[in-house]
Amino acid sequence: MPKERIEHQALDIALPERTSLHDVVSEVIDRGRQGWEPERVRQALVDLGLSAGDADLAWDRTHGGIVRAGSGARDNRPDRHHDPIAWTAYELAVADRSIIRDLHPPDHPPRPWWRWTPW
């Protein structure tokens, strides 16, 4: 008997003109490395031209991809088509492991899921 196929909505955002997904993910990473609070990063993304909801999603999925890369398990690689933001962040973090160290250091205590996005 064939397994049931479940369709998922892609976790993507509307990009401003002349802005790539790589630009958005890099903005989240760069601002995080500079110690910016999530709300300030969100505002920077809105200033870049994203909607508030898309800025929230970009922050969340970027960090999701970085956390997955930090696991070291290739099976945790996000799907490129379903979750392109997390996939981009994952690929950047795998290529440059200092992203993981800088944004999610091993001595940093894990936060409960409800505290990842404060807005």
Protein backbone atom coordinates (compact mmCIF):
# COMPACT_ATOMS: atom_id res chain seq x y z
CA MET A 1 0.00 0.00 0.00
CA PRO A 2 1.50 3.40 -0.97
CA LYS A 3 2.24 5.92 1.74
CA GLU A 4 0.09 9.02 1.96
CA ARG A 5 1.75 12.00 0.37
CA ILE A 6 1.49 15.22 2.33
CA GLU A 7 2.03 18.52 0.54
CA HIS A 8 3.70 21.30 2.51
CA GLN A 9 3.60 25.01 1.91
CA ALA A 10 7.06 26.39 1.26
CA LEU A 11 8.58 28.54 3.97
CA ASP A 12 9.56 31.41 1.72
CA ILE A 13 9.39 35.18 1.79
CA ALA A 14 8.75 37.99 -0.68
CA LEU A 15 12.12 39.48 -1.50
CA PRO A 16 12.53 43.18 -2.22
CA GLU A 17 13.80 44.10 -5.66
CA ARG A 18 17.57 43.53 -6.08
CA THR A 19 17.75 41.55 -2.83
CA SER A 20 18.62 37.86 -2.80
CA LEU A 21 17.82 35.22 -0.24
CA HIS A 22 21.55 35.05 0.44
CA ASP A 23 21.50 38.80 1.22
CA VAL A 24 18.71 38.34 3.76
CA VAL A 25 20.33 35.35 5.49
CA SER A 26 23.69 37.13 5.55
CA GLU A 27 22.05 40.17 7.12
CA VAL A 28 20.65 38.03 9.95
CA ILE A 29 24.01 36.32 10.47
CA ASP A 30 26.08 39.51 10.28
CA ARG A 31 23.84 41.44 12.67
CA GLY A 32 23.77 38.51 15.08
CA ARG A 33 27.56 38.40 15.06
CA GLN A 34 27.56 42.09 15.91
CA GLY A 35 25.45 41.33 18.97
CA TRP A 36 22.23 42.89 17.75
CA GLU A 37 19.08 41.89 19.60
CA PRO A 38 16.53 39.94 17.52
CA GLU A 39 14.08 42.86 17.48
CA ARG A 40 16.75 45.17 16.07
CA VAL A 41 17.65 42.60 13.40
CA ARG A 42 13.96 42.34 12.54
CA GLN A 43 13.78 46.12 12.08
CA ALA A 44 16.87 46.05 9.84
CA LEU A 45 15.12 43.45 7.66
CA VAL A 46 11.97 45.59 7.52
CA ASP A 47 14.15 48.56 6.55
CA LEU A 48 15.59 46.36 3.79
CA GLY A 49 12.05 45.99 2.42
CA LEU A 50 10.68 42.81 4.03
CA SER A 51 7.29 42.76 5.68
CA ALA A 52 7.29 42.33 9.46
CA GLY A 53 6.02 38.77 9.09
CA ASP A 54 8.68 37.92 6.51
CA ALA A 55 11.35 39.46 8.76
CA ASP A 56 10.19 37.22 11.62
CA LEU A 57 10.28 34.17 9.38
CA ALA A 58 13.73 35.08 7.98
CA TRP A 59 15.19 35.41 11.49
CA ASP A 60 13.59 32.19 12.70
CA ARG A 61 14.48 30.04 9.70
CA THR A 62 18.04 31.42 9.50
CA HIS A 63 18.68 30.36 13.08
CA GLY A 64 16.91 27.07 12.43
CA GLY A 65 19.34 26.31 9.61
CA ILE A 66 22.33 27.25 11.77
CA VAL A 67 21.18 25.02 14.63
CA ARG A 68 20.69 22.15 12.18
CA ALA A 69 24.20 22.68 10.80
CA GLY A 70 25.54 22.64 14.35
CA SER A 71 24.17 19.15 14.89
CA GLY A 72 26.72 17.79 12.44
CA ALA A 73 24.16 15.32 11.10
CA ARG A 74 23.75 15.53 7.33
CA ASP A 75 20.21 14.18 7.77
CA ASN A 76 19.33 17.49 9.41
CA ARG A 77 19.93 19.38 6.16
CA PRO A 78 16.78 21.41 5.39
CA ASP A 79 14.96 20.82 2.13
CA ARG A 80 16.06 23.44 -0.38
CA HIS A 81 12.60 23.87 -1.90
CA HIS A 82 10.46 23.59 1.21
CA ASP A 83 12.63 25.71 3.53
CA PRO A 84 15.00 27.78 1.36
CA ILE A 85 15.94 30.21 4.15
CA ALA A 86 17.04 27.44 6.52
CA TRP A 87 18.76 25.64 3.64
CA THR A 88 20.76 28.77 2.77
CA ALA A 89 21.75 29.34 6.41
CA TYR A 90 22.65 25.66 6.81
CA GLU A 91 24.90 25.72 3.74
CA LEU A 92 26.63 28.92 4.90
CA ALA A 93 27.15 27.51 8.41
CA VAL A 94 28.51 24.20 7.11
CA ALA A 95 30.95 26.09 4.88
CA ASP A 96 31.95 28.46 7.72
CA ARG A 97 31.62 26.71 11.09
CA SER A 98 32.48 29.96 12.90
CA ILE A 99 28.87 31.05 12.21
CA ILE A 100 27.69 28.26 14.50
CA ARG A 101 30.27 29.10 17.15
CA ASP A 102 29.47 32.82 17.03
CA LEU A 103 25.67 32.58 17.08
CA HIS A 104 25.05 29.34 18.98
CA PRO A 105 28.13 28.63 21.12
CA PRO A 106 28.24 25.25 22.87
CA ASP A 107 28.34 26.85 26.31
CA HIS A 108 25.20 28.86 25.55
CA PRO A 109 22.28 27.25 27.38
CA PRO A 110 19.45 26.21 25.09
CA ARG A 111 16.43 28.48 25.17
CA PRO A 112 12.87 27.19 25.43
CA TRP A 113 11.13 27.28 22.06
CA TRP A 114 8.86 30.15 23.15
CA ARG A 115 11.85 32.45 23.78
CA TRP A 116 13.47 32.24 20.34
CA THR A 117 11.37 35.00 18.84
CA PRO A 118 10.59 37.73 21.38
CA TRP A 119 8.28 39.82 19.22
